[in-house]
């Protein structure tokens, strides 16, 4: 079944710093297998090759499992059951 994490209150806040590092959090209310909230630390690194962005951080998230494409000021990814678009703030 398809789940709309945004409608469920999930948030993804990640900052891509010019030195290739990242900071931020990924929060999913009631997203833990045991019913608790998920709050992942997105401190890590990012790389850009052509228009593809890859992330590396300790937290086990879909963010590191997909290749993100940069176009028109957005990062987007589609892989398996995940579709996400991040916009610059």
N, C-alpha and C. Protein backbone atom coordinates (compact mmCIF):
# COMPACT_ATOMS: atom_id res chain seq x y z
N UNK A 1 0.84 -1.19 0.00
CA UNK A 1 0.00 0.00 0.00
C UNK A 1 0.88 1.24 0.00
N UNK A 2 0.45 2.24 -0.70
CA UNK A 2 1.19 3.50 -0.79
C UNK A 2 0.95 4.34 0.46
N UNK A 3 2.04 4.92 0.98
CA UNK A 3 1.96 5.76 2.18
C UNK A 3 2.45 7.15 1.83
N UNK A 4 1.67 8.16 2.13
CA UNK A 4 2.06 9.55 1.94
C UNK A 4 2.65 10.03 3.26
N UNK A 5 3.97 9.99 3.36
CA UNK A 5 4.62 10.36 4.62
C UNK A 5 4.43 11.83 4.97
N UNK A 6 4.36 12.71 3.98
CA UNK A 6 4.12 14.12 4.26
C UNK A 6 2.77 14.32 4.92
N UNK A 7 1.75 13.65 4.40
CA UNK A 7 0.42 13.76 4.98
C UNK A 7 0.40 13.21 6.41
N UNK A 8 1.28 12.25 6.68
CA UNK A 8 1.36 11.65 8.01
C UNK A 8 2.19 12.49 8.98
N UNK A 9 2.77 13.60 8.48
CA UNK A 9 3.53 14.49 9.35
C UNK A 9 5.03 14.35 9.29
N UNK A 10 5.54 13.57 8.34
CA UNK A 10 6.98 13.39 8.21
C UNK A 10 7.63 14.67 7.70
N UNK A 11 8.87 14.89 8.14
CA UNK A 11 9.64 16.04 7.65
C UNK A 11 11.05 15.58 7.31
N UNK A 12 11.61 16.21 6.29
CA UNK A 12 12.98 15.98 5.89
C UNK A 12 13.63 17.34 5.74
N UNK A 13 14.62 17.61 6.58
CA UNK A 13 15.32 18.89 6.57
C UNK A 13 16.80 18.58 6.44
N UNK A 14 17.37 18.87 5.27
CA UNK A 14 18.79 18.59 5.06
C UNK A 14 19.44 19.80 4.42
N UNK A 15 20.60 20.16 4.95
CA UNK A 15 21.38 21.27 4.42
C UNK A 15 22.61 20.72 3.74
N UNK A 16 22.82 21.11 2.49
CA UNK A 16 24.01 20.71 1.74
C UNK A 16 24.98 21.88 1.79
N UNK A 17 26.05 21.71 2.55
CA UNK A 17 27.04 22.76 2.70
C UNK A 17 28.04 22.74 1.54
N UNK A 18 28.62 23.89 1.24
CA UNK A 18 29.54 24.01 0.11
C UNK A 18 30.79 23.16 0.27
N UNK A 19 31.12 22.74 1.49
CA UNK A 19 32.31 21.90 1.69
C UNK A 19 32.01 20.41 1.54
N UNK A 20 30.81 20.05 1.07
CA UNK A 20 30.45 18.65 0.84
C UNK A 20 29.89 17.94 2.05
N UNK A 21 29.60 18.69 3.13
CA UNK A 21 29.00 18.07 4.31
C UNK A 21 27.51 18.36 4.35
N UNK A 22 26.81 17.56 5.15
CA UNK A 22 25.37 17.76 5.34
C UNK A 22 25.04 17.80 6.82
N UNK A 23 23.95 18.48 7.13
CA UNK A 23 23.35 18.45 8.45
C UNK A 23 21.85 18.37 8.24
N UNK A 24 21.15 17.87 9.24
CA UNK A 24 19.70 17.85 9.14
C UNK A 24 19.09 16.67 9.87
N UNK A 25 17.78 16.54 9.71
CA UNK A 25 17.04 15.46 10.35
C UNK A 25 15.95 14.93 9.43
N UNK A 26 15.60 13.68 9.65
CA UNK A 26 14.47 13.03 8.98
C UNK A 26 13.56 12.52 10.09
N UNK A 27 12.33 13.02 10.14
CA UNK A 27 11.39 12.70 11.21
C UNK A 27 10.14 12.05 10.62
N UNK A 28 9.75 10.91 11.20
CA UNK A 28 8.51 10.23 10.81
C UNK A 28 7.76 9.87 12.08
N UNK A 29 6.60 10.54 12.33
CA UNK A 29 5.83 10.20 13.52
C UNK A 29 5.27 8.78 13.41
N UNK A 30 5.39 8.04 14.48
CA UNK A 30 4.91 6.65 14.53
C UNK A 30 5.53 5.78 13.43
N UNK A 31 6.72 6.13 12.97
CA UNK A 31 7.34 5.41 11.86
C UNK A 31 8.23 4.25 12.25
N UNK A 32 8.49 4.10 13.53
CA UNK A 32 9.31 3.00 14.01
C UNK A 32 8.49 1.71 13.99
N UNK A 33 9.15 0.60 13.75
CA UNK A 33 8.45 -0.70 13.72
C UNK A 33 7.74 -1.01 15.03
N UNK A 34 8.23 -0.42 16.12
CA UNK A 34 7.62 -0.66 17.43
C UNK A 34 6.60 0.43 17.79
N UNK A 35 6.28 1.30 16.82
CA UNK A 35 5.24 2.30 17.04
C UNK A 35 5.72 3.67 17.47
N UNK A 36 7.02 3.81 17.77
CA UNK A 36 7.54 5.12 18.17
C UNK A 36 7.89 5.97 16.97
N UNK A 37 8.32 7.18 17.26
CA UNK A 37 8.73 8.10 16.20
C UNK A 37 10.12 7.73 15.70
N UNK A 38 10.39 8.09 14.45
CA UNK A 38 11.73 7.98 13.87
C UNK A 38 12.30 9.39 13.79
N UNK A 39 13.50 9.57 14.31
CA UNK A 39 14.21 10.84 14.19
C UNK A 39 15.66 10.51 13.85
N UNK A 40 16.00 10.62 12.57
CA UNK A 40 17.34 10.27 12.10
C UNK A 40 18.19 11.52 11.90
N UNK A 41 19.44 11.43 12.30
CA UNK A 41 20.42 12.49 12.13
C UNK A 41 21.04 12.36 10.74
N UNK A 42 20.97 13.41 9.93
CA UNK A 42 21.47 13.37 8.56
C UNK A 42 22.84 14.03 8.41
N UNK A 43 23.59 14.10 9.51
CA UNK A 43 24.95 14.61 9.43
C UNK A 43 25.78 13.63 8.59
N UNK A 44 26.45 14.15 7.57
CA UNK A 44 27.24 13.30 6.70
C UNK A 44 27.86 14.10 5.58
N UNK A 45 27.86 13.49 4.39
CA UNK A 45 28.46 14.13 3.23
C UNK A 45 27.57 13.98 2.00
N UNK A 46 27.84 14.82 1.00
CA UNK A 46 27.15 14.71 -0.28
C UNK A 46 28.17 14.94 -1.39
N UNK A 47 27.90 14.32 -2.55
CA UNK A 47 28.75 14.51 -3.73
C UNK A 47 27.87 14.77 -4.94
N UNK A 48 28.41 15.55 -5.85
CA UNK A 48 27.72 15.88 -7.10
C UNK A 48 28.58 15.42 -8.26
N UNK A 49 28.02 14.60 -9.15
CA UNK A 49 28.71 14.13 -10.35
C UNK A 49 27.74 14.31 -11.50
N UNK A 50 28.10 15.20 -12.42
CA UNK A 50 27.17 15.64 -13.47
C UNK A 50 25.94 16.21 -12.77
N UNK A 51 24.77 15.64 -12.97
CA UNK A 51 23.55 16.10 -12.30
C UNK A 51 23.08 15.13 -11.23
N UNK A 52 23.94 14.20 -10.83
CA UNK A 52 23.56 13.20 -9.84
C UNK A 52 24.19 13.50 -8.49
N UNK A 53 23.36 13.46 -7.44
CA UNK A 53 23.81 13.73 -6.08
C UNK A 53 23.64 12.45 -5.26
N UNK A 54 24.67 12.11 -4.51
CA UNK A 54 24.60 10.97 -3.61
C UNK A 54 24.93 11.44 -2.20
N UNK A 55 24.24 10.86 -1.23
CA UNK A 55 24.42 11.20 0.18
C UNK A 55 25.04 10.04 0.93
N UNK A 56 25.79 10.37 1.98
CA UNK A 56 26.34 9.35 2.87
C UNK A 56 26.19 9.87 4.29
N UNK A 57 25.46 9.13 5.11
CA UNK A 57 25.33 9.43 6.53
C UNK A 57 25.09 8.13 7.28
N UNK A 58 25.29 8.16 8.58
CA UNK A 58 25.22 6.95 9.39
C UNK A 58 23.80 6.38 9.48
N UNK A 59 22.80 7.24 9.54
CA UNK A 59 21.41 6.78 9.67
C UNK A 59 21.02 5.92 8.47
N UNK A 60 20.25 4.89 8.72
CA UNK A 60 19.78 3.98 7.68
C UNK A 60 18.48 4.53 7.10
N UNK A 61 18.59 5.34 6.05
CA UNK A 61 17.42 5.97 5.44
C UNK A 61 17.38 5.69 3.95
N UNK A 62 16.23 5.91 3.34
CA UNK A 62 16.10 5.78 1.89
C UNK A 62 16.97 6.82 1.18
N UNK A 63 17.34 7.88 1.86
CA UNK A 63 18.07 9.00 1.25
C UNK A 63 19.40 8.52 0.68
N UNK A 64 20.06 7.59 1.37
CA UNK A 64 21.33 7.07 0.88
C UNK A 64 21.16 5.91 -0.09
N UNK A 65 19.95 5.38 -0.19
CA UNK A 65 19.69 4.23 -1.05
C UNK A 65 19.36 4.60 -2.49
N UNK A 66 19.13 5.87 -2.75
CA UNK A 66 18.73 6.29 -4.09
C UNK A 66 19.73 7.30 -4.64
N UNK A 67 19.75 7.42 -5.96
CA UNK A 67 20.53 8.47 -6.60
C UNK A 67 19.60 9.62 -6.89
N UNK A 68 19.99 10.79 -6.44
CA UNK A 68 19.19 12.00 -6.62
C UNK A 68 19.64 12.73 -7.88
N UNK A 69 18.69 13.27 -8.62
CA UNK A 69 18.98 14.03 -9.83
C UNK A 69 18.72 15.50 -9.56
N UNK A 70 19.69 16.35 -9.90
CA UNK A 70 19.54 17.79 -9.72
C UNK A 70 19.12 18.42 -11.04
N UNK A 71 18.01 19.15 -11.02
CA UNK A 71 17.53 19.88 -12.20
C UNK A 71 16.58 20.97 -11.75
N UNK A 72 16.71 22.14 -12.33
CA UNK A 72 15.81 23.26 -12.07
C UNK A 72 15.67 23.59 -10.58
N UNK A 73 16.78 23.56 -9.84
CA UNK A 73 16.74 23.91 -8.43
C UNK A 73 16.12 22.87 -7.53
N UNK A 74 15.96 21.64 -8.03
CA UNK A 74 15.34 20.57 -7.25
C UNK A 74 16.19 19.32 -7.28
N UNK A 75 16.11 18.57 -6.20
CA UNK A 75 16.67 17.22 -6.17
C UNK A 75 15.49 16.25 -6.18
N UNK A 76 15.51 15.30 -7.07
CA UNK A 76 14.42 14.33 -7.12
C UNK A 76 15.00 12.92 -7.21
N UNK A 77 14.21 11.97 -6.71
CA UNK A 77 14.63 10.57 -6.72
C UNK A 77 13.42 9.68 -6.85
N UNK A 78 13.59 8.63 -7.61
CA UNK A 78 12.57 7.59 -7.71
C UNK A 78 13.28 6.26 -7.72
N UNK A 79 12.87 5.38 -6.79
CA UNK A 79 13.48 4.07 -6.70
C UNK A 79 12.53 3.15 -5.95
N UNK A 80 12.24 2.04 -6.53
CA UNK A 80 11.34 1.07 -5.91
C UNK A 80 10.04 1.78 -5.50
N UNK A 81 9.76 1.83 -4.20
CA UNK A 81 8.50 2.42 -3.72
C UNK A 81 8.66 3.85 -3.24
N UNK A 82 9.81 4.47 -3.54
CA UNK A 82 10.07 5.81 -3.02
C UNK A 82 10.10 6.82 -4.15
N UNK A 83 9.36 7.91 -3.96
CA UNK A 83 9.41 9.04 -4.88
C UNK A 83 9.50 10.29 -4.02
N UNK A 84 10.55 11.09 -4.23
CA UNK A 84 10.75 12.26 -3.39
C UNK A 84 11.29 13.41 -4.22
N UNK A 85 10.91 14.63 -3.85
CA UNK A 85 11.42 15.84 -4.47
C UNK A 85 11.79 16.80 -3.35
N UNK A 86 13.03 17.29 -3.37
CA UNK A 86 13.49 18.28 -2.41
C UNK A 86 13.68 19.60 -3.14
N UNK A 87 13.19 20.67 -2.55
CA UNK A 87 13.36 21.99 -3.16
C UNK A 87 14.22 22.88 -2.27
N UNK A 88 14.89 23.81 -2.92
CA UNK A 88 15.77 24.73 -2.21
C UNK A 88 14.93 25.74 -1.44
N UNK A 89 15.32 25.98 -0.19
CA UNK A 89 14.62 26.94 0.65
C UNK A 89 15.45 28.17 0.83
